[in-house]
């Protein structure tokens, strides 16, 4: 009997350690997730109470850095939610939009910067959102199963991203400015101009765009597709921009406002693919001249 108790003790200790690990992991993760929801971060705000938006903008860093909510409101009176982030794909943008629509009133307009259809479908920095969104966890399971199961094992692992730390920092510092400052001289990596560029829609992104276009039509949401400006030499190096735009139009059934070649001075670019604040204003003015972001009364949700 003594021998059996002696053998059972390590097993009990191991079981107790597992219980403590999982309980501690869940408890600490829940506390940190709640803390993050108190931040002004625009992505975390999807899963909380925020003021309804008139416009939702989707894309990668070319939306993040080019669609300034304050500038858009000053020019149009419309509230814009910017859901662009670096290395974001159209497939992930679809998940973000679905999560937004599930929790908030329909916007008048959804804007999609179409060049992010090139980006492969990965969750990137938005792994943090798997702490709040079953749909985001489903996306992660499809695109990165190992990360998904690691997050199932440890809820703290779901919080392990740069976005988590930026969200916490914003509790103290407030929202981080996203416009690049207007400074003399473009910051351009000219070595990137050596090889020709080709625009290729990554797997899954075309299907995601088609579903978003169908959803917008069904819900009476205006859909605006735009290609933001590129640095002139970089744009000239893209061999198939017209064919890429035509393919996007065929998939979506919508015309693309192609401003990739918008004449903007070199000094108003931050780098090859991003404008500074002065260039952004020129871009937004050109977009609004081509297509007002407000939906027509008969097209507005509930109209």
Protein backbone atom coordinates (compact mmCIF):
# COMPACT_ATOMS: atom_id res chain seq x y z
CA UNK A 1 0.00 0.00 0.00
CA UNK A 2 2.83 2.40 0.83
CA UNK A 3 4.45 1.60 -2.51
CA UNK A 4 1.25 2.42 -4.40
CA UNK A 5 0.92 5.77 -2.63
CA UNK A 6 4.57 6.54 -3.40
CA UNK A 7 4.04 5.81 -7.09
CA UNK A 8 0.80 7.75 -7.22
CA UNK A 9 2.30 10.92 -5.77
CA UNK A 10 4.27 12.00 -8.91
CA UNK A 11 1.18 11.43 -11.05
CA UNK A 12 -0.91 13.55 -8.73
CA UNK A 13 1.71 16.28 -8.76
CA UNK A 14 1.84 16.19 -12.56
CA UNK A 15 -1.94 16.38 -12.75
CA UNK A 16 -1.97 19.26 -10.28
CA UNK A 17 0.71 21.06 -12.30
CA UNK A 18 -1.37 20.71 -15.46
CA UNK A 19 -4.45 22.03 -13.72
CA UNK A 20 -2.51 25.01 -12.37
CA UNK A 21 -0.95 25.66 -15.80
CA UNK A 22 -4.24 25.62 -17.71
CA UNK A 23 -6.17 27.51 -15.05
CA UNK A 24 -3.43 30.13 -14.74
CA UNK A 25 -3.10 30.43 -18.50
CA UNK A 26 -6.85 30.99 -18.98
CA UNK A 27 -7.16 33.37 -16.05
CA UNK A 28 -4.19 35.56 -16.97
CA UNK A 29 -5.13 35.55 -20.66
CA UNK A 30 -8.70 36.59 -19.86
CA UNK A 31 -7.45 39.45 -17.71
CA UNK A 32 -5.03 40.70 -20.34
CA UNK A 33 -7.64 40.35 -23.09
CA UNK A 34 -10.06 42.46 -21.04
CA UNK A 35 -7.32 45.06 -20.54
CA UNK A 36 -6.69 45.20 -24.28
CA UNK A 37 -10.39 45.81 -24.94
CA UNK A 38 -10.09 49.04 -22.94
CA UNK A 39 -7.57 50.41 -25.45
CA UNK A 40 -8.50 52.72 -28.35
CA UNK A 41 -7.00 50.28 -30.86
CA UNK A 42 -9.19 50.22 -33.99
CA UNK A 43 -8.96 46.45 -34.50
CA UNK A 44 -9.81 45.53 -30.93
CA UNK A 45 -12.65 48.07 -31.12
CA UNK A 46 -14.42 45.83 -33.64
CA UNK A 47 -15.27 43.54 -30.73
CA UNK A 48 -16.50 46.30 -28.41
CA UNK A 49 -18.81 49.28 -28.43
CA UNK A 50 -17.76 51.89 -30.97
CA UNK A 51 -19.58 54.65 -32.79
CA UNK A 52 -21.14 53.44 -36.06
CA UNK A 53 -19.01 54.04 -39.13
CA UNK A 54 -20.18 55.42 -42.46
CA UNK A 55 -17.19 53.95 -44.31
CA UNK A 56 -15.07 50.86 -43.66
CA UNK A 57 -11.70 50.76 -45.46
CA UNK A 58 -9.99 47.40 -46.04
CA UNK A 59 -6.46 46.67 -47.19
CA UNK A 60 -2.85 46.40 -46.13
CA UNK A 61 -0.47 49.20 -45.13
CA UNK A 62 -1.58 51.14 -48.22
CA UNK A 63 -4.92 51.61 -46.46
CA UNK A 64 -3.43 51.87 -42.98
CA UNK A 65 -1.21 54.79 -44.07
CA UNK A 66 -3.48 56.38 -46.69
CA UNK A 67 -7.01 56.52 -45.23
CA UNK A 68 -6.84 58.95 -42.34
CA UNK A 69 -10.22 59.08 -40.54
CA UNK A 70 -9.81 62.71 -39.50
CA UNK A 71 -8.89 63.83 -43.02
CA UNK A 72 -11.81 61.91 -44.55
CA UNK A 73 -14.24 63.36 -42.01
CA UNK A 74 -12.99 66.90 -42.61
CA UNK A 75 -13.53 66.51 -46.36
CA UNK A 76 -16.79 64.51 -46.36
CA UNK A 77 -18.35 64.59 -42.90
CA UNK A 78 -18.23 60.77 -42.90
CA UNK A 79 -16.94 58.59 -40.09
CA UNK A 80 -14.35 56.13 -41.41
CA UNK A 81 -13.01 52.99 -39.73
CA UNK A 82 -9.59 52.04 -41.08
CA UNK A 83 -9.05 48.26 -40.99
CA UNK A 84 -5.83 48.24 -43.00
CA UNK A 85 -2.65 46.74 -41.60
CA UNK A 86 0.69 45.67 -43.07
CA UNK A 87 0.76 42.33 -44.92
CA UNK A 88 -3.01 41.99 -44.74
CA UNK A 89 -4.65 39.86 -47.44
CA UNK A 90 -8.10 40.14 -49.04
CA UNK A 91 -9.01 36.80 -47.44
CA UNK A 92 -8.27 38.24 -43.99
CA UNK A 93 -10.05 41.49 -44.85
CA UNK A 94 -13.17 39.44 -45.53
CA UNK A 95 -13.00 38.02 -41.99
CA UNK A 96 -12.53 41.51 -40.53
CA UNK A 97 -15.50 42.84 -42.46
CA UNK A 98 -17.71 39.91 -41.46
CA UNK A 99 -16.78 40.41 -37.80
CA UNK A 100 -17.52 44.13 -38.09
CA UNK A 101 -20.91 43.61 -39.74
CA UNK A 102 -21.86 40.97 -37.18
CA UNK A 103 -21.37 43.43 -34.32
CA UNK A 104 -22.18 46.89 -35.71
CA UNK A 105 -24.68 48.64 -37.99
CA UNK A 106 -24.00 48.40 -41.69
CA UNK A 107 -21.81 51.17 -43.11
CA UNK A 108 -22.86 53.13 -46.16
CA UNK A 109 -19.68 52.21 -48.01
CA UNK A 110 -16.87 49.67 -48.01
CA UNK A 111 -13.61 50.75 -49.67
CA UNK A 112 -11.11 48.09 -50.76
CA UNK A 113 -7.58 48.97 -51.86
CA UNK A 114 -7.19 46.25 -54.47
CA UNK A 115 -3.42 45.80 -54.55
CA UNK A 116 -3.60 43.82 -51.30
CA UNK A 117 -5.09 40.97 -53.34
CA UNK A 118 -1.44 40.09 -54.00
CA UNK A 119 -0.77 39.26 -50.34
CA UNK A 120 -0.87 35.57 -49.31
CA UNK A 121 -3.50 34.63 -46.73
CA UNK A 122 -1.84 34.76 -43.32
CA UNK A 123 -3.11 36.11 -40.00
CA UNK A 124 0.04 38.17 -39.32
CA UNK A 125 -0.24 40.66 -36.47
CA UNK A 126 -3.96 40.06 -36.17
CA UNK A 127 -3.40 36.80 -34.31
CA UNK A 128 -4.36 38.85 -31.27
CA UNK A 129 -7.93 38.95 -32.58
CA UNK A 130 -8.25 35.17 -32.23
CA UNK A 131 -8.78 35.94 -28.52
CA UNK A 132 -12.09 37.61 -29.45
CA UNK A 133 -13.27 36.13 -32.73
CA UNK A 134 -14.32 32.54 -33.56
CA UNK A 135 -14.13 33.48 -37.25
CA UNK A 136 -10.56 34.64 -36.83
CA UNK A 137 -9.70 31.37 -35.09
CA UNK A 138 -11.26 29.50 -37.99
CA UNK A 139 -9.16 31.50 -40.44
CA UNK A 140 -6.03 30.71 -38.44
CA UNK A 141 -6.89 27.00 -38.36
CA UNK A 142 -7.13 26.99 -42.17
CA UNK A 143 -3.99 29.01 -42.86
CA UNK A 144 -1.67 28.09 -39.98
CA UNK A 145 -2.88 24.98 -38.11
CA UNK A 146 0.12 24.83 -35.79
CA UNK A 147 -0.49 28.36 -34.57
CA UNK A 148 -4.17 27.58 -34.14
CA UNK A 149 -3.56 24.53 -31.98
CA UNK A 150 -0.89 26.36 -30.00
CA UNK A 151 -3.54 28.99 -29.25
CA UNK A 152 -5.98 26.29 -28.21
CA UNK A 153 -3.38 24.91 -25.83
CA UNK A 154 -2.38 28.29 -24.43
CA UNK A 155 -4.70 31.29 -24.56
CA UNK A 156 -1.74 33.48 -23.64
CA UNK A 157 -0.16 32.45 -26.95
CA UNK A 158 -3.05 34.14 -28.77
CA UNK A 159 -1.94 37.46 -27.29
CA UNK A 160 1.67 37.08 -28.43
CA UNK A 161 1.82 39.72 -31.17
CA UNK A 162 3.09 43.24 -31.76
CA UNK A 163 -0.51 44.42 -31.94
CA UNK A 164 -1.06 43.33 -28.34
CA UNK A 165 1.80 45.49 -27.08
CA UNK A 166 0.77 48.44 -29.26
CA UNK A 167 -2.77 48.19 -27.93
CA UNK A 168 -1.49 48.23 -24.35
CA UNK A 169 0.78 51.17 -25.11
CA UNK A 170 -2.15 53.08 -26.60
CA UNK A 171 -3.91 52.89 -23.22
CA UNK A 172 -1.33 55.41 -22.03
CA UNK A 173 -0.29 57.23 -25.19
CA UNK A 174 -3.56 57.19 -27.14
CA UNK A 175 -3.97 56.08 -30.77
CA UNK A 176 -0.77 56.04 -32.80
CA UNK A 177 -0.71 58.49 -35.74
CA UNK A 178 -0.74 56.53 -38.98
CA UNK A 179 0.14 59.23 -41.53
CA UNK A 180 3.78 59.50 -42.48
CA UNK A 181 4.98 63.07 -41.86
CA UNK A 182 5.42 65.33 -44.86
CA UNK A 183 9.16 65.79 -45.19
CA UNK A 184 11.33 66.98 -48.02
CA UNK A 185 12.79 64.13 -50.04
CA UNK A 186 11.28 60.70 -50.67
CA UNK A 187 12.66 57.75 -48.73
CA UNK A 188 13.03 55.40 -51.68
CA UNK A 189 14.85 52.07 -51.85
CA UNK A 190 15.97 52.37 -55.43
CA UNK A 191 17.45 48.87 -55.47
CA UNK A 192 13.86 47.59 -55.61
CA UNK A 193 13.51 49.12 -59.05
CA UNK A 194 16.01 46.79 -60.66
CA UNK A 195 13.60 43.91 -61.39
CA UNK A 196 10.25 44.22 -63.17
CA UNK A 197 7.18 43.85 -60.96
CA UNK A 198 4.11 41.75 -61.71
CA UNK A 199 0.75 41.92 -59.95
CA UNK A 200 -0.56 38.44 -59.18
CA UNK A 201 -3.71 37.66 -57.17
CA UNK A 202 -2.75 35.26 -54.36
CA UNK A 203 -4.78 32.06 -53.85
CA UNK A 204 -8.05 32.61 -52.03
CA UNK A 205 -8.10 36.38 -52.44
CA UNK A 206 -10.14 36.47 -55.63
CA UNK A 207 -12.79 34.24 -54.08
CA UNK A 208 -12.85 36.45 -50.96
CA UNK A 209 -13.34 39.58 -53.08
CA UNK A 210 -16.19 37.93 -55.00
CA UNK A 211 -17.94 37.03 -51.74
CA UNK A 212 -17.51 40.56 -50.35
CA UNK A 213 -18.89 42.04 -53.59
CA UNK A 214 -21.91 39.70 -53.41
CA UNK A 215 -22.44 40.58 -49.74
CA UNK A 216 -22.27 44.31 -50.45
CA UNK A 217 -24.86 43.95 -53.21
CA UNK A 218 -27.17 41.87 -51.02
CA UNK A 219 -26.90 44.28 -48.08
CA UNK A 220 -27.18 47.48 -50.08
CA UNK A 221 -23.65 48.60 -49.19
CA UNK A 222 -21.78 50.72 -51.70
CA UNK A 223 -18.49 49.08 -52.75
CA UNK A 224 -15.58 51.25 -53.89
CA UNK A 225 -12.48 49.59 -55.34
CA UNK A 226 -9.33 51.68 -55.68
CA UNK A 227 -5.65 51.24 -56.45
CA UNK A 228 -3.59 53.72 -54.46
CA UNK A 229 -0.61 55.57 -55.97
CA UNK A 230 2.84 54.06 -56.38
CA UNK A 231 6.12 55.94 -56.67
CA UNK A 232 6.34 56.80 -60.40
CA UNK A 233 9.45 54.74 -61.21
CA UNK A 234 8.03 51.77 -59.30
CA UNK A 235 4.67 52.07 -61.08
CA UNK A 236 6.44 52.18 -64.44
CA UNK A 237 8.19 48.95 -63.46
CA UNK A 238 4.89 47.06 -63.05
CA UNK A 239 4.43 45.12 -66.26
CA UNK A 240 0.79 44.10 -65.97
CA UNK A 241 -1.12 46.74 -63.99
CA UNK A 242 -3.87 47.09 -66.60
CA UNK A 243 -4.36 43.33 -66.79
CA UNK A 244 -4.44 43.08 -62.99
CA UNK A 245 -7.09 45.80 -62.75
CA UNK A 246 -9.16 44.10 -65.46
CA UNK A 247 -8.99 40.79 -63.59
CA UNK A 248 -10.13 42.44 -60.35
CA UNK A 249 -13.02 44.09 -62.20
CA UNK A 250 -14.07 40.78 -63.72
CA UNK A 251 -14.02 39.04 -60.34
CA UNK A 252 -15.91 41.74 -58.47
CA UNK A 253 -18.23 43.11 -61.12
CA UNK A 254 -17.12 46.61 -60.11
CA UNK A 255 -14.93 49.20 -61.79
CA UNK A 256 -11.57 49.87 -60.15
CA UNK A 257 -10.57 53.50 -59.65
CA UNK A 258 -6.97 53.11 -60.74
CA UNK A 259 -4.98 55.92 -59.15
CA UNK A 260 -1.74 53.92 -59.12
CA UNK A 261 -0.28 56.36 -61.63
CA UNK A 262 -1.70 59.53 -60.08
CA UNK A 263 0.78 62.36 -60.76
CA UNK A 264 2.16 63.12 -57.30
CA UNK A 265 5.55 64.78 -56.75
CA UNK A 266 8.32 62.43 -55.67
CA UNK A 267 8.79 64.43 -52.47
CA UNK A 268 5.24 63.51 -51.43
CA UNK A 269 6.11 59.81 -51.23
CA UNK A 270 7.48 58.24 -48.06
CA UNK A 271 8.74 55.19 -49.94
CA UNK A 272 7.94 53.27 -53.12
CA UNK A 273 4.45 52.22 -52.04
CA UNK A 274 3.41 54.81 -49.43
CA UNK A 275 2.63 58.51 -49.51
CA UNK A 276 3.40 61.05 -46.82
CA UNK A 277 0.65 63.21 -45.32
CA UNK A 278 0.77 65.76 -48.15
CA UNK A 279 0.59 63.03 -50.79
CA UNK A 280 -2.28 61.34 -48.93
CA UNK A 281 -4.35 64.52 -49.18
CA UNK A 282 -3.76 64.64 -52.93
CA UNK A 283 -4.79 60.99 -53.20
CA UNK A 284 -7.95 61.39 -51.11
CA UNK A 285 -8.99 64.46 -53.13
CA UNK A 286 -8.54 62.49 -56.36
CA UNK A 287 -10.52 59.54 -55.00
CA UNK A 288 -13.38 61.76 -53.85
CA UNK A 289 -13.43 63.51 -57.23
CA UNK A 290 -13.73 60.13 -58.95
CA UNK A 291 -16.22 58.57 -56.50
CA UNK A 292 -17.88 60.22 -53.48
CA UNK A 293 -17.71 57.85 -50.53
CA UNK A 294 -21.25 58.60 -49.36
CA UNK A 295 -23.85 56.18 -50.69
CA UNK A 296 -26.69 57.61 -52.77
CA UNK A 297 -29.92 57.83 -50.73
CA UNK A 298 -31.47 54.84 -52.49
CA UNK A 299 -28.30 52.82 -51.91
CA UNK A 300 -27.80 53.69 -48.25
CA UNK A 301 -28.50 50.92 -45.74
CA UNK A 302 -32.10 51.26 -44.67
CA UNK A 303 -32.73 53.74 -47.51
